[in-house]
Amino acid sequence: MIWQEFIDTDIQQIDISIEISNLKSVFGNQNFNHLPVFSKGNFVGSIQKEDLVDLPAEDILENHRYLLDIFFTETHKTSLDLIHQFVNHQTNLLPILDDQKNYVGAMKLVDALDLFGESPFIANEGEVIILTKAKDKFAFSEVSQLIESQNAKLSGVFVSNLHEDFVEITLKVEHQGLNEILQTFRRYDYEIKSEHPEDLFTEDLKEHADYLNKYLDI
């Protein structure tokens, strides 16, 4: 299912000549923090609800063009581009333009999240593992090979944190023996950031810690 099928073409279009009082009323009837603004039918940007608080009610938006945020996603972009724009601009309504920069509608954040939730990475069964490793020693090919060496299947992966010194990745793995997979990663200098009941390494550490505490109490 592609995200373009969920573009909403019924979102109210705000003309740049609207009075601030009327614009506040429009926001009052919506659950959006931004609304698209148009001048002579052309998209010119989005106005944020919070930016209207101190504006005179009888004024018009045209006199405050500097408040417009110009952000959008084009119809040929991927779902990851879509999510990036939502996050980058902290909006729950994203204008969508075609290749000629013509407005075609808007995407609601709630619809985008629903689509993301239906993706195989989220919807498919499997164990989520979070790994970190030094950036200069990290390779996706190695991660895949290590998982396959344990007769497991990698069903999804994304970079969840990128630092100048290390890479953090989140995996979804279909497996028959998780402990063996975790121990294999540790042998290749990966740090396991997620917690797993099947992880015998964690249990061994706990047992050693308990033994040490008993010894120190003697």
N, C-alpha and C. Protein backbone atom coordinates (compact mmCIF):
# COMPACT_ATOMS: atom_id res chain seq x y z
N MET A 1 0.84 -1.19 0.00
CA MET A 1 0.00 0.00 0.00
C MET A 1 0.89 1.26 0.00
N ILE A 2 0.64 2.18 -0.92
CA ILE A 2 1.50 3.35 -1.04
C ILE A 2 0.84 4.55 -0.36
N TRP A 3 1.69 5.43 0.17
CA TRP A 3 1.17 6.55 0.95
C TRP A 3 0.39 7.54 0.09
N GLN A 4 0.72 7.62 -1.21
CA GLN A 4 0.04 8.57 -2.08
C GLN A 4 -1.47 8.34 -2.15
N GLU A 5 -1.90 7.11 -1.87
CA GLU A 5 -3.33 6.80 -1.89
C GLU A 5 -4.09 7.45 -0.74
N PHE A 6 -3.36 7.98 0.25
CA PHE A 6 -3.99 8.55 1.43
C PHE A 6 -3.89 10.07 1.47
N ILE A 7 -3.53 10.69 0.37
CA ILE A 7 -3.50 12.15 0.31
C ILE A 7 -4.92 12.68 0.46
N ASP A 8 -5.11 13.61 1.38
CA ASP A 8 -6.43 14.20 1.64
C ASP A 8 -6.59 15.46 0.79
N THR A 9 -7.57 15.44 -0.09
CA THR A 9 -7.81 16.60 -0.97
C THR A 9 -8.90 17.51 -0.44
N ASP A 10 -9.42 17.21 0.75
CA ASP A 10 -10.54 17.99 1.29
C ASP A 10 -10.13 18.96 2.40
N ILE A 11 -8.84 19.04 2.70
CA ILE A 11 -8.39 19.99 3.73
C ILE A 11 -8.69 21.42 3.27
N GLN A 12 -9.25 22.21 4.16
CA GLN A 12 -9.63 23.58 3.82
C GLN A 12 -8.41 24.39 3.39
N GLN A 13 -8.53 25.06 2.25
CA GLN A 13 -7.44 25.88 1.75
C GLN A 13 -7.60 27.32 2.26
N ILE A 14 -6.56 27.82 2.87
CA ILE A 14 -6.58 29.16 3.48
C ILE A 14 -6.01 30.18 2.49
N ASP A 15 -6.78 31.21 2.19
CA ASP A 15 -6.28 32.27 1.32
C ASP A 15 -5.48 33.28 2.13
N ILE A 16 -4.44 33.80 1.52
CA ILE A 16 -3.53 34.72 2.20
C ILE A 16 -4.24 35.99 2.69
N SER A 17 -5.42 36.27 2.13
CA SER A 17 -6.16 37.49 2.49
C SER A 17 -7.08 37.29 3.69
N ILE A 18 -7.11 36.11 4.28
CA ILE A 18 -8.02 35.84 5.39
C ILE A 18 -7.69 36.69 6.62
N GLU A 19 -8.73 37.11 7.33
CA GLU A 19 -8.53 37.85 8.58
C GLU A 19 -8.03 36.89 9.66
N ILE A 20 -7.22 37.41 10.55
CA ILE A 20 -6.64 36.60 11.61
C ILE A 20 -7.74 35.98 12.49
N SER A 21 -8.79 36.74 12.77
CA SER A 21 -9.88 36.22 13.59
C SER A 21 -10.53 35.01 12.93
N ASN A 22 -10.74 35.07 11.62
CA ASN A 22 -11.33 33.94 10.90
C ASN A 22 -10.38 32.75 10.85
N LEU A 23 -9.10 33.05 10.71
CA LEU A 23 -8.11 31.98 10.66
C LEU A 23 -8.04 31.24 12.00
N LYS A 24 -8.13 31.99 13.09
CA LYS A 24 -8.14 31.36 14.41
C LYS A 24 -9.37 30.46 14.56
N SER A 25 -10.49 30.88 14.00
CA SER A 25 -11.70 30.07 14.06
C SER A 25 -11.53 28.77 13.28
N VAL A 26 -10.87 28.87 12.12
CA VAL A 26 -10.62 27.67 11.32
C VAL A 26 -9.77 26.68 12.10
N PHE A 27 -8.72 27.18 12.73
CA PHE A 27 -7.86 26.32 13.55
C PHE A 27 -8.65 25.72 14.71
N GLY A 28 -9.59 26.50 15.25
CA GLY A 28 -10.38 26.01 16.37
C GLY A 28 -11.25 24.83 16.01
N ASN A 29 -11.56 24.70 14.74
CA ASN A 29 -12.39 23.58 14.28
C ASN A 29 -11.56 22.43 13.72
N GLN A 30 -10.24 22.54 13.82
CA GLN A 30 -9.34 21.51 13.28
C GLN A 30 -8.43 21.00 14.40
N ASN A 31 -7.80 19.88 14.14
CA ASN A 31 -6.82 19.33 15.09
C ASN A 31 -5.40 19.45 14.55
N PHE A 32 -5.19 20.36 13.61
CA PHE A 32 -3.88 20.51 12.98
C PHE A 32 -3.11 21.67 13.59
N ASN A 33 -1.77 21.54 13.63
CA ASN A 33 -0.95 22.64 14.13
C ASN A 33 -0.45 23.54 12.99
N HIS A 34 -0.63 23.09 11.75
CA HIS A 34 -0.34 23.90 10.57
C HIS A 34 -1.52 23.79 9.60
N LEU A 35 -1.68 24.82 8.77
CA LEU A 35 -2.64 24.76 7.67
C LEU A 35 -1.99 25.36 6.43
N PRO A 36 -2.26 24.79 5.24
CA PRO A 36 -1.67 25.32 4.00
C PRO A 36 -2.32 26.65 3.60
N VAL A 37 -1.50 27.55 3.07
CA VAL A 37 -1.95 28.89 2.69
C VAL A 37 -1.73 29.08 1.19
N PHE A 38 -2.68 29.81 0.55
CA PHE A 38 -2.64 29.97 -0.90
C PHE A 38 -2.82 31.45 -1.29
N SER A 39 -2.20 31.80 -2.40
CA SER A 39 -2.37 33.13 -2.98
C SER A 39 -2.72 32.94 -4.45
N LYS A 40 -3.91 33.39 -4.82
CA LYS A 40 -4.42 33.21 -6.18
C LYS A 40 -4.39 31.74 -6.60
N GLY A 41 -4.68 30.87 -5.65
CA GLY A 41 -4.74 29.45 -5.94
C GLY A 41 -3.43 28.72 -5.87
N ASN A 42 -2.34 29.45 -5.66
CA ASN A 42 -1.02 28.83 -5.60
C ASN A 42 -0.57 28.66 -4.15
N PHE A 43 -0.01 27.50 -3.84
CA PHE A 43 0.49 27.23 -2.50
C PHE A 43 1.69 28.12 -2.20
N VAL A 44 1.65 28.81 -1.06
CA VAL A 44 2.74 29.73 -0.70
C VAL A 44 3.40 29.37 0.63
N GLY A 45 2.87 28.38 1.32
CA GLY A 45 3.47 27.97 2.59
C GLY A 45 2.41 27.54 3.58
N SER A 46 2.84 27.25 4.79
CA SER A 46 1.92 26.84 5.86
C SER A 46 2.03 27.79 7.04
N ILE A 47 0.91 28.02 7.69
CA ILE A 47 0.90 28.89 8.87
C ILE A 47 0.73 28.02 10.11
N GLN A 48 1.49 28.34 11.14
CA GLN A 48 1.41 27.57 12.39
C GLN A 48 0.43 28.24 13.35
N LYS A 49 -0.36 27.43 14.01
CA LYS A 49 -1.39 27.93 14.91
C LYS A 49 -0.80 28.82 16.00
N GLU A 50 0.31 28.42 16.58
CA GLU A 50 0.90 29.17 17.69
C GLU A 50 1.37 30.56 17.28
N ASP A 51 1.66 30.77 16.01
CA ASP A 51 2.15 32.06 15.54
C ASP A 51 1.05 33.11 15.46
N LEU A 52 -0.20 32.70 15.64
CA LEU A 52 -1.32 33.64 15.53
C LEU A 52 -1.70 34.27 16.85
N VAL A 53 -1.16 33.77 17.94
CA VAL A 53 -1.62 34.14 19.28
C VAL A 53 -1.62 35.65 19.51
N ASP A 54 -0.54 36.31 19.15
CA ASP A 54 -0.42 37.74 19.47
C ASP A 54 -0.76 38.67 18.32
N LEU A 55 -1.32 38.13 17.24
CA LEU A 55 -1.65 38.97 16.09
C LEU A 55 -3.02 39.63 16.28
N PRO A 56 -3.18 40.88 15.82
CA PRO A 56 -4.48 41.57 15.94
C PRO A 56 -5.58 40.83 15.19
N ALA A 57 -6.72 40.68 15.80
CA ALA A 57 -7.81 39.90 15.22
C ALA A 57 -8.28 40.47 13.89
N GLU A 58 -8.26 41.81 13.73
CA GLU A 58 -8.78 42.44 12.52
C GLU A 58 -7.75 42.51 11.39
N ASP A 59 -6.52 42.11 11.68
CA ASP A 59 -5.47 42.12 10.66
C ASP A 59 -5.67 40.96 9.68
N ILE A 60 -4.94 40.98 8.56
CA ILE A 60 -5.02 39.89 7.60
C ILE A 60 -3.68 39.17 7.52
N LEU A 61 -3.73 37.93 7.11
CA LEU A 61 -2.51 37.11 7.07
C LEU A 61 -1.49 37.64 6.08
N GLU A 62 -1.98 38.30 5.03
CA GLU A 62 -1.10 38.88 4.01
C GLU A 62 -0.03 39.77 4.62
N ASN A 63 -0.36 40.46 5.69
CA ASN A 63 0.59 41.37 6.34
C ASN A 63 1.62 40.64 7.19
N HIS A 64 1.52 39.34 7.26
CA HIS A 64 2.44 38.56 8.09
C HIS A 64 2.98 37.36 7.32
N ARG A 65 3.32 37.58 6.06
CA ARG A 65 3.85 36.50 5.21
C ARG A 65 5.12 35.89 5.80
N TYR A 66 5.85 36.68 6.57
CA TYR A 66 7.11 36.19 7.17
C TYR A 66 6.87 35.01 8.11
N LEU A 67 5.62 34.82 8.53
CA LEU A 67 5.32 33.71 9.44
C LEU A 67 5.10 32.38 8.70
N LEU A 68 4.99 32.43 7.39
CA LEU A 68 4.73 31.21 6.63
C LEU A 68 5.97 30.31 6.60
N ASP A 69 5.75 29.05 6.86
CA ASP A 69 6.80 28.04 6.74
C ASP A 69 6.63 27.32 5.41
N ILE A 70 7.67 27.30 4.60
CA ILE A 70 7.57 26.65 3.29
C ILE A 70 8.19 25.26 3.38
N PHE A 71 7.34 24.28 3.55
CA PHE A 71 7.78 22.88 3.56
C PHE A 71 6.69 22.05 2.90
N PHE A 72 7.09 20.95 2.29
CA PHE A 72 6.15 20.08 1.59
C PHE A 72 6.88 18.80 1.19
N THR A 73 6.12 17.84 0.71
CA THR A 73 6.69 16.63 0.12
C THR A 73 6.07 16.45 -1.26
N GLU A 74 6.88 15.99 -2.20
CA GLU A 74 6.39 15.77 -3.56
C GLU A 74 5.88 14.34 -3.71
N THR A 75 4.96 14.16 -4.64
CA THR A 75 4.26 12.88 -4.79
C THR A 75 5.18 11.73 -5.17
N HIS A 76 6.36 12.02 -5.73
CA HIS A 76 7.26 10.93 -6.14
C HIS A 76 8.18 10.48 -5.00
N LYS A 77 8.10 11.12 -3.85
CA LYS A 77 8.98 10.79 -2.74
C LYS A 77 8.55 9.48 -2.06
N THR A 78 9.46 8.92 -1.28
CA THR A 78 9.19 7.67 -0.57
C THR A 78 8.50 7.93 0.77
N SER A 79 8.01 6.87 1.38
CA SER A 79 7.38 7.00 2.70
C SER A 79 8.37 7.47 3.76
N LEU A 80 9.65 7.11 3.61
CA LEU A 80 10.66 7.58 4.56
C LEU A 80 10.88 9.08 4.43
N ASP A 81 10.84 9.59 3.19
CA ASP A 81 10.92 11.05 2.99
C ASP A 81 9.74 11.74 3.67
N LEU A 82 8.59 11.11 3.57
CA LEU A 82 7.37 11.66 4.18
C LEU A 82 7.54 11.77 5.69
N ILE A 83 7.96 10.68 6.34
CA ILE A 83 8.15 10.69 7.79
C ILE A 83 9.20 11.73 8.20
N HIS A 84 10.26 11.83 7.41
CA HIS A 84 11.32 12.79 7.71
C HIS A 84 10.77 14.22 7.74
N GLN A 85 9.91 14.56 6.79
CA GLN A 85 9.34 15.90 6.75
C GLN A 85 8.43 16.16 7.94
N PHE A 86 7.64 15.18 8.31
CA PHE A 86 6.79 15.34 9.50
C PHE A 86 7.64 15.63 10.73
N VAL A 87 8.70 14.87 10.91
CA VAL A 87 9.55 15.02 12.09
C VAL A 87 10.33 16.33 12.02
N ASN A 88 10.89 16.63 10.87
CA ASN A 88 11.75 17.80 10.72
C ASN A 88 11.01 19.11 10.97
N HIS A 89 9.71 19.14 10.63
CA HIS A 89 8.94 20.38 10.77
C HIS A 89 7.92 20.32 11.90
N GLN A 90 7.94 19.23 12.67
CA GLN A 90 7.06 19.11 13.84
C GLN A 90 5.62 19.47 13.49
N THR A 91 5.13 18.87 12.43
CA THR A 91 3.78 19.17 11.95
C THR A 91 2.94 17.90 11.95
N ASN A 92 1.63 18.07 11.98
CA ASN A 92 0.75 16.91 11.82
C ASN A 92 -0.09 17.01 10.55
N LEU A 93 0.29 17.97 9.68
CA LEU A 93 -0.35 18.10 8.37
C LEU A 93 0.70 18.57 7.37
N LEU A 94 0.96 17.73 6.38
CA LEU A 94 2.05 17.99 5.44
C LEU A 94 1.49 18.24 4.04
N PRO A 95 1.74 19.43 3.45
CA PRO A 95 1.29 19.70 2.08
C PRO A 95 2.01 18.78 1.09
N ILE A 96 1.28 18.34 0.07
CA ILE A 96 1.84 17.47 -0.96
C ILE A 96 1.74 18.18 -2.31
N LEU A 97 2.88 18.26 -3.01
CA LEU A 97 2.93 18.90 -4.32
C LEU A 97 3.32 17.88 -5.38
N ASP A 98 2.92 18.16 -6.63
CA ASP A 98 3.34 17.27 -7.71
C ASP A 98 4.69 17.72 -8.26
N ASP A 99 5.15 17.09 -9.32
CA ASP A 99 6.48 17.39 -9.86
C ASP A 99 6.60 18.82 -10.39
N GLN A 100 5.47 19.43 -10.70
CA GLN A 100 5.47 20.82 -11.18
C GLN A 100 5.21 21.81 -10.05
N LYS A 101 5.29 21.32 -8.81
CA LYS A 101 5.10 22.12 -7.60
C LYS A 101 3.67 22.63 -7.47
N ASN A 102 2.71 21.91 -8.05
CA ASN A 102 1.30 22.24 -7.87
C ASN A 102 0.76 21.47 -6.66
N TYR A 103 -0.05 22.14 -5.87
CA TYR A 103 -0.63 21.53 -4.68
C TYR A 103 -1.65 20.47 -5.08
N VAL A 104 -1.54 19.28 -4.49
CA VAL A 104 -2.50 18.22 -4.80
C VAL A 104 -3.30 17.79 -3.58
N GLY A 105 -2.87 18.18 -2.39
CA GLY A 105 -3.57 17.81 -1.16
C GLY A 105 -2.61 17.83 0.02
N ALA A 106 -3.01 17.18 1.09
CA ALA A 106 -2.17 17.15 2.29
C ALA A 106 -2.22 15.76 2.90
N MET A 107 -1.17 15.42 3.62
CA MET A 107 -1.08 14.13 4.30
C MET A 107 -1.18 14.36 5.80
N LYS A 108 -2.06 13.63 6.46
CA LYS A 108 -2.20 13.71 7.90
C LYS A 108 -1.18 12.80 8.57
N LEU A 109 -0.62 13.26 9.67
CA LEU A 109 0.37 12.47 10.40
C LEU A 109 -0.23 11.15 10.87
N VAL A 110 -1.47 11.17 11.31
CA VAL A 110 -2.10 9.95 11.82
C VAL A 110 -2.19 8.89 10.73
N ASP A 111 -2.44 9.32 9.48
CA ASP A 111 -2.50 8.37 8.37
C ASP A 111 -1.12 7.82 8.03
N ALA A 112 -0.12 8.70 8.11
CA ALA A 112 1.25 8.26 7.83
C ALA A 112 1.72 7.24 8.85
N LEU A 113 1.38 7.45 10.12
CA LEU A 113 1.77 6.52 11.16
C LEU A 113 1.04 5.19 11.02
N ASP A 114 -0.23 5.25 10.61
CA ASP A 114 -0.98 4.01 10.37
C ASP A 114 -0.33 3.19 9.27
N LEU A 115 0.09 3.87 8.20
CA LEU A 115 0.75 3.18 7.10
C LEU A 115 2.08 2.57 7.53
N PHE A 116 2.84 3.34 8.32
CA PHE A 116 4.12 2.84 8.82
C PHE A 116 3.90 1.63 9.71
N GLY A 117 2.83 1.65 10.49
CA GLY A 117 2.53 0.53 11.37
C GLY A 117 2.15 -0.72 10.61
N GLU A 118 1.69 -0.57 9.38
CA GLU A 118 1.32 -1.72 8.55
C GLU A 118 2.50 -2.26 7.74
N SER A 119 3.63 -1.60 7.83
CA SER A 119 4.80 -2.04 7.07
C SER A 119 5.30 -3.37 7.63
N PRO A 120 5.94 -4.20 6.81
CA PRO A 120 6.43 -5.51 7.28
C PRO A 120 7.35 -5.42 8.48
N PHE A 121 8.16 -4.35 8.55
CA PHE A 121 9.07 -4.22 9.69
C PHE A 121 8.31 -4.16 11.01
N ILE A 122 7.17 -3.47 11.02
CA ILE A 122 6.39 -3.34 12.25
C ILE A 122 5.42 -4.50 12.41
N ALA A 123 4.74 -4.85 11.33
CA ALA A 123 3.63 -5.80 11.43
C ALA A 123 4.09 -7.25 11.53
N ASN A 124 5.18 -7.62 10.86
CA ASN A 124 5.62 -9.01 10.87
C ASN A 124 6.13 -9.44 12.24
N GLU A 125 5.98 -10.72 12.53
CA GLU A 125 6.49 -11.24 13.79
C GLU A 125 8.02 -11.32 13.74
N GLY A 126 8.62 -11.26 14.91
CA GLY A 126 10.07 -11.33 14.99
C GLY A 126 10.58 -10.65 16.24
N GLU A 127 11.85 -10.86 16.53
CA GLU A 127 12.49 -10.27 17.71
C GLU A 127 13.21 -8.99 17.31
N VAL A 128 12.98 -7.93 18.07
CA VAL A 128 13.66 -6.66 17.83
C VAL A 128 14.96 -6.63 18.62
N ILE A 129 16.06 -6.39 17.93
CA ILE A 129 17.38 -6.33 18.57
C ILE A 129 18.01 -4.98 18.26
N ILE A 130 18.53 -4.34 19.26
CA ILE A 130 19.22 -3.06 19.08
C ILE A 130 20.71 -3.28 19.32
N LEU A 131 21.53 -2.94 18.32
CA LEU A 131 22.98 -3.16 18.38
C LEU A 131 23.73 -1.85 18.20
N THR A 132 24.90 -1.76 18.80
CA THR A 132 25.81 -0.66 18.51
C THR A 132 27.19 -1.22 18.22
N LYS A 133 27.92 -0.48 17.39
CA LYS A 133 29.29 -0.86 17.08
C LYS A 133 30.04 0.38 16.61
N ALA A 134 31.36 0.35 16.77
CA ALA A 134 32.20 1.47 16.31
C ALA A 134 31.91 1.74 14.84
N LYS A 135 31.77 3.01 14.50
CA LYS A 135 31.35 3.39 13.16
C LYS A 135 32.32 2.90 12.10
N ASP A 136 33.62 2.95 12.38
CA ASP A 136 34.61 2.56 11.38
C ASP A 136 34.72 1.04 11.21
N LYS A 137 34.02 0.27 12.06
CA LYS A 137 34.07 -1.19 11.95
C LYS A 137 32.71 -1.79 11.58
N PHE A 138 31.74 -0.91 11.35
CA PHE A 138 30.38 -1.38 11.09
C PHE A 138 30.15 -1.64 9.61
N ALA A 139 29.41 -2.72 9.30
CA ALA A 139 29.03 -3.03 7.92
C ALA A 139 27.70 -3.78 7.93
N PHE A 140 26.75 -3.33 7.12
CA PHE A 140 25.47 -4.01 7.02
C PHE A 140 25.64 -5.45 6.53
N SER A 141 26.58 -5.66 5.63
CA SER A 141 26.79 -7.00 5.09
C SER A 141 27.19 -7.97 6.19
N GLU A 142 28.01 -7.51 7.14
CA GLU A 142 28.42 -8.38 8.25
C GLU A 142 27.23 -8.74 9.13
N VAL A 143 26.36 -7.75 9.41
CA VAL A 143 25.18 -8.00 10.24
C VAL A 143 24.33 -9.08 9.60
N SER A 144 24.08 -8.95 8.31
CA SER A 144 23.26 -9.93 7.60
C SER A 144 23.90 -11.31 7.62
N GLN A 145 25.21 -11.37 7.39
CA GLN A 145 25.91 -12.66 7.36
C GLN A 145 25.88 -13.35 8.73
N LEU A 146 26.03 -12.57 9.79
CA LEU A 146 26.02 -13.15 11.14
C LEU A 146 24.65 -13.73 11.48
N ILE A 147 23.60 -13.03 11.09
CA ILE A 147 22.26 -13.54 11.34
C ILE A 147 22.00 -14.82 10.54
N GLU A 148 22.36 -14.80 9.27
CA GLU A 148 22.13 -15.97 8.42
C GLU A 148 22.99 -17.15 8.85
N SER A 149 24.14 -16.88 9.45
CA SER A 149 25.00 -17.97 9.92
C SER A 149 24.35 -18.76 11.05
N GLN A 150 23.35 -18.16 11.69
CA GLN A 150 22.63 -18.83 12.78
C GLN A 150 21.26 -19.34 12.30
N ASN A 151 21.12 -19.48 11.00
CA ASN A 151 19.87 -19.98 10.39
C ASN A 151 18.67 -19.12 10.77
N ALA A 152 18.91 -17.84 10.91
CA ALA A 152 17.84 -16.89 11.19
C ALA A 152 17.61 -16.02 9.95
N LYS A 153 16.52 -15.26 9.97
CA LYS A 153 16.15 -14.42 8.83
C LYS A 153 16.01 -12.97 9.27
N LEU A 154 16.68 -12.08 8.54
CA LEU A 154 16.59 -10.65 8.82
C LEU A 154 15.39 -10.09 8.06
N SER A 155 14.37 -9.63 8.80
CA SER A 155 13.16 -9.13 8.14
C SER A 155 13.05 -7.62 8.12
N GLY A 156 13.99 -6.93 8.76
CA GLY A 156 13.98 -5.47 8.72
C GLY A 156 15.15 -4.88 9.47
N VAL A 157 15.61 -3.71 9.05
CA VAL A 157 16.73 -3.04 9.71
C VAL A 157 16.68 -1.55 9.40
N PHE A 158 16.99 -0.73 10.39
CA PHE A 158 17.19 0.69 10.13
C PHE A 158 18.17 1.27 11.14
N VAL A 159 18.79 2.36 10.75
CA VAL A 159 19.76 3.05 11.62
C VAL A 159 18.97 3.91 12.60
N SER A 160 18.99 3.55 13.88
CA SER A 160 18.22 4.27 14.88
C SER A 160 19.01 5.38 15.56
N ASN A 161 20.34 5.35 15.43
CA ASN A 161 21.18 6.43 15.97
C ASN A 161 22.51 6.41 15.25
N LEU A 162 22.95 7.59 14.86
CA LEU A 162 24.23 7.70 14.14
C LEU A 162 25.07 8.76 14.83
N HIS A 163 26.19 8.32 15.39
CA HIS A 163 27.10 9.19 16.12
C HIS A 163 28.43 9.21 15.38
N GLU A 164 29.26 10.19 15.67
CA GLU A 164 30.55 10.27 14.98
C GLU A 164 31.45 9.09 15.35
N ASP A 165 31.16 8.44 16.49
CA ASP A 165 32.00 7.32 16.91
C ASP A 165 31.34 5.95 16.75
N PHE A 166 30.01 5.89 16.74
CA PHE A 166 29.36 4.58 16.69
C PHE A 166 28.08 4.66 15.85
N VAL A 167 27.61 3.47 15.48
CA VAL A 167 26.34 3.32 14.78
C VAL A 167 25.43 2.45 15.63
N GLU A 168 24.17 2.87 15.76
CA GLU A 168 23.17 2.05 16.44
C GLU A 168 22.14 1.63 15.40
N ILE A 169 21.87 0.33 15.33
CA ILE A 169 20.88 -0.16 14.39
C ILE A 169 19.82 -0.97 15.13
N THR A 170 18.62 -0.96 14.58
CA THR A 170 17.51 -1.74 15.12
C THR A 170 17.14 -2.79 14.08
N LEU A 171 17.14 -4.04 14.52
CA LEU A 171 16.85 -5.17 13.64
C LEU A 171 15.55 -5.84 14.04
N LYS A 172 14.92 -6.49 13.07
CA LYS A 172 13.86 -7.44 13.39
C LYS A 172 14.28 -8.77 12.79
N VAL A 173 14.32 -9.79 13.65
CA VAL A 173 14.89 -11.08 13.26
C VAL A 173 13.89 -12.20 13.54
N GLU A 174 13.70 -13.06 12.56
CA GLU A 174 12.94 -14.29 12.74
C GLU A 174 13.94 -15.40 13.04
N HIS A 175 13.75 -16.10 14.17
CA HIS A 175 14.80 -16.99 14.65
C HIS A 175 14.23 -18.21 15.36
N GLN A 176 15.10 -19.17 15.60
CA GLN A 176 14.77 -20.35 16.41
C GLN A 176 15.56 -20.36 17.71
N GLY A 177 16.64 -19.58 17.77
CA GLY A 177 17.46 -19.53 18.98
C GLY A 177 18.13 -18.18 19.13
N LEU A 178 17.50 -17.29 19.89
CA LEU A 178 17.99 -15.93 19.99
C LEU A 178 19.32 -15.84 20.72
N ASN A 179 19.52 -16.63 21.76
CA ASN A 179 20.74 -16.54 22.54
C ASN A 179 21.98 -16.74 21.67
N GLU A 180 21.93 -17.69 20.76
CA GLU A 180 23.07 -17.94 19.87
C GLU A 180 23.36 -16.73 18.99
N ILE A 181 22.31 -16.06 18.54
CA ILE A 181 22.49 -14.86 17.70
C ILE A 181 23.15 -13.76 18.50
N LEU A 182 22.68 -13.54 19.71
CA LEU A 182 23.25 -12.47 20.56
C LEU A 182 24.71 -12.74 20.88
N GLN A 183 25.04 -13.99 21.21
CA GLN A 183 26.43 -14.32 21.52
C GLN A 183 27.33 -14.16 20.30
N THR A 184 26.79 -14.46 19.12
CA THR A 184 27.56 -14.28 17.89
C THR A 184 27.89 -12.81 17.67
N PHE A 185 26.91 -11.96 17.88
CA PHE A 185 27.15 -10.52 17.73
C PHE A 185 28.20 -10.04 18.72
N ARG A 186 28.14 -10.52 19.94
CA ARG A 186 29.12 -10.10 20.95
C ARG A 186 30.53 -10.52 20.55
N ARG A 187 30.66 -11.71 19.97
CA ARG A 187 31.99 -12.17 19.54
C ARG A 187 32.58 -11.27 18.47
N TYR A 188 31.71 -10.57 17.74
CA TYR A 188 32.18 -9.66 16.69
C TYR A 188 32.10 -8.20 17.14
N ASP A 189 32.16 -8.00 18.45
CA ASP A 189 32.29 -6.66 19.05
C ASP A 189 31.06 -5.78 18.91
N TYR A 190 29.89 -6.39 18.80
CA TYR A 190 28.66 -5.60 18.85
C TYR A 190 28.18 -5.55 20.30
N GLU A 191 27.66 -4.41 20.69
CA GLU A 191 27.05 -4.28 22.01
C GLU A 191 25.54 -4.41 21.87
N ILE A 192 24.93 -5.24 22.70
CA ILE A 192 23.49 -5.44 22.67
C ILE A 192 22.84 -4.41 23.59
N LYS A 193 22.03 -3.51 23.02
CA LYS A 193 21.40 -2.46 23.81
C LYS A 193 20.00 -2.85 24.28
N SER A 194 19.37 -3.79 23.59
CA SER A 194 18.03 -4.23 23.97
C SER A 194 18.12 -5.36 24.99
N GLU A 195 17.02 -5.58 25.72
CA GLU A 195 16.97 -6.64 26.73
C GLU A 195 16.13 -7.80 26.22
N HIS A 196 16.60 -9.03 26.52
CA HIS A 196 15.93 -10.22 26.02
C HIS A 196 15.95 -11.31 27.10
N PRO A 197 14.79 -11.88 27.40
CA PRO A 197 14.73 -12.94 28.42
C PRO A 197 15.60 -14.14 28.07
N GLU A 198 15.83 -14.38 26.78
CA GLU A 198 16.61 -15.55 26.36
C GLU A 198 18.12 -15.31 26.41
N ASP A 199 18.52 -14.09 26.76
CA ASP A 199 19.93 -13.74 26.72
C ASP A 199 20.65 -14.32 27.94
N LEU A 200 21.34 -15.45 27.76
CA LEU A 200 22.04 -16.11 28.86
C LEU A 200 23.23 -15.31 29.36
N PHE A 201 23.77 -14.43 28.50
CA PHE A 201 24.89 -13.58 28.89
C PHE A 201 24.48 -12.67 30.05
N THR A 202 23.26 -12.13 29.96
CA THR A 202 22.76 -11.27 31.03
C THR A 202 22.60 -12.05 32.31
N GLU A 203 22.07 -13.29 32.20
CA GLU A 203 21.90 -14.12 33.38
C GLU A 203 23.24 -14.47 34.00
N ASP A 204 24.24 -14.76 33.15
CA ASP A 204 25.58 -15.08 33.67
C ASP A 204 26.17 -13.89 34.43
N LEU A 205 25.99 -12.70 33.88
CA LEU A 205 26.49 -11.50 34.56
C LEU A 205 25.82 -11.33 35.92
N LYS A 206 24.50 -11.57 35.94
CA LYS A 206 23.76 -11.43 37.19
C LYS A 206 24.25 -12.45 38.22
N GLU A 207 24.47 -13.68 37.78
CA GLU A 207 24.94 -14.72 38.70
C GLU A 207 26.32 -14.38 39.25
N HIS A 208 27.20 -13.87 38.36
CA HIS A 208 28.54 -13.49 38.81
C HIS A 208 28.48 -12.31 39.79
N ALA A 209 27.57 -11.38 39.52
CA ALA A 209 27.42 -10.22 40.40
C ALA A 209 26.91 -10.66 41.76
N ASP A 210 25.93 -11.58 41.75
CA ASP A 210 25.39 -12.08 43.02
C ASP A 210 26.46 -12.81 43.81
N TYR A 211 27.27 -13.60 43.11
CA TYR A 211 28.35 -14.34 43.79
C TYR A 211 29.36 -13.38 44.38
N LEU A 212 29.70 -12.32 43.63
CA LEU A 212 30.67 -11.34 44.11
C LEU A 212 30.13 -10.62 45.34
N ASN A 213 28.85 -10.28 45.33
CA ASN A 213 28.26 -9.60 46.47
C ASN A 213 28.27 -10.48 47.71
N LYS A 214 27.98 -11.77 47.54
CA LYS A 214 28.04 -12.70 48.68
C LYS A 214 29.46 -12.82 49.21
N TYR A 215 30.44 -12.85 48.30
CA TYR A 215 31.84 -12.96 48.70
C TYR A 215 32.26 -11.72 49.50
N LEU A 216 31.83 -10.54 49.02
CA LEU A 216 32.21 -9.29 49.70
C LEU A 216 31.53 -9.17 51.06
N ASP A 217 30.40 -9.84 51.22
CA ASP A 217 29.67 -9.76 52.49
C ASP A 217 30.27 -10.68 53.55
N ILE A 218 31.13 -11.59 53.13
CA ILE A 218 31.73 -12.54 54.09
C ILE A 218 32.67 -11.81 55.06
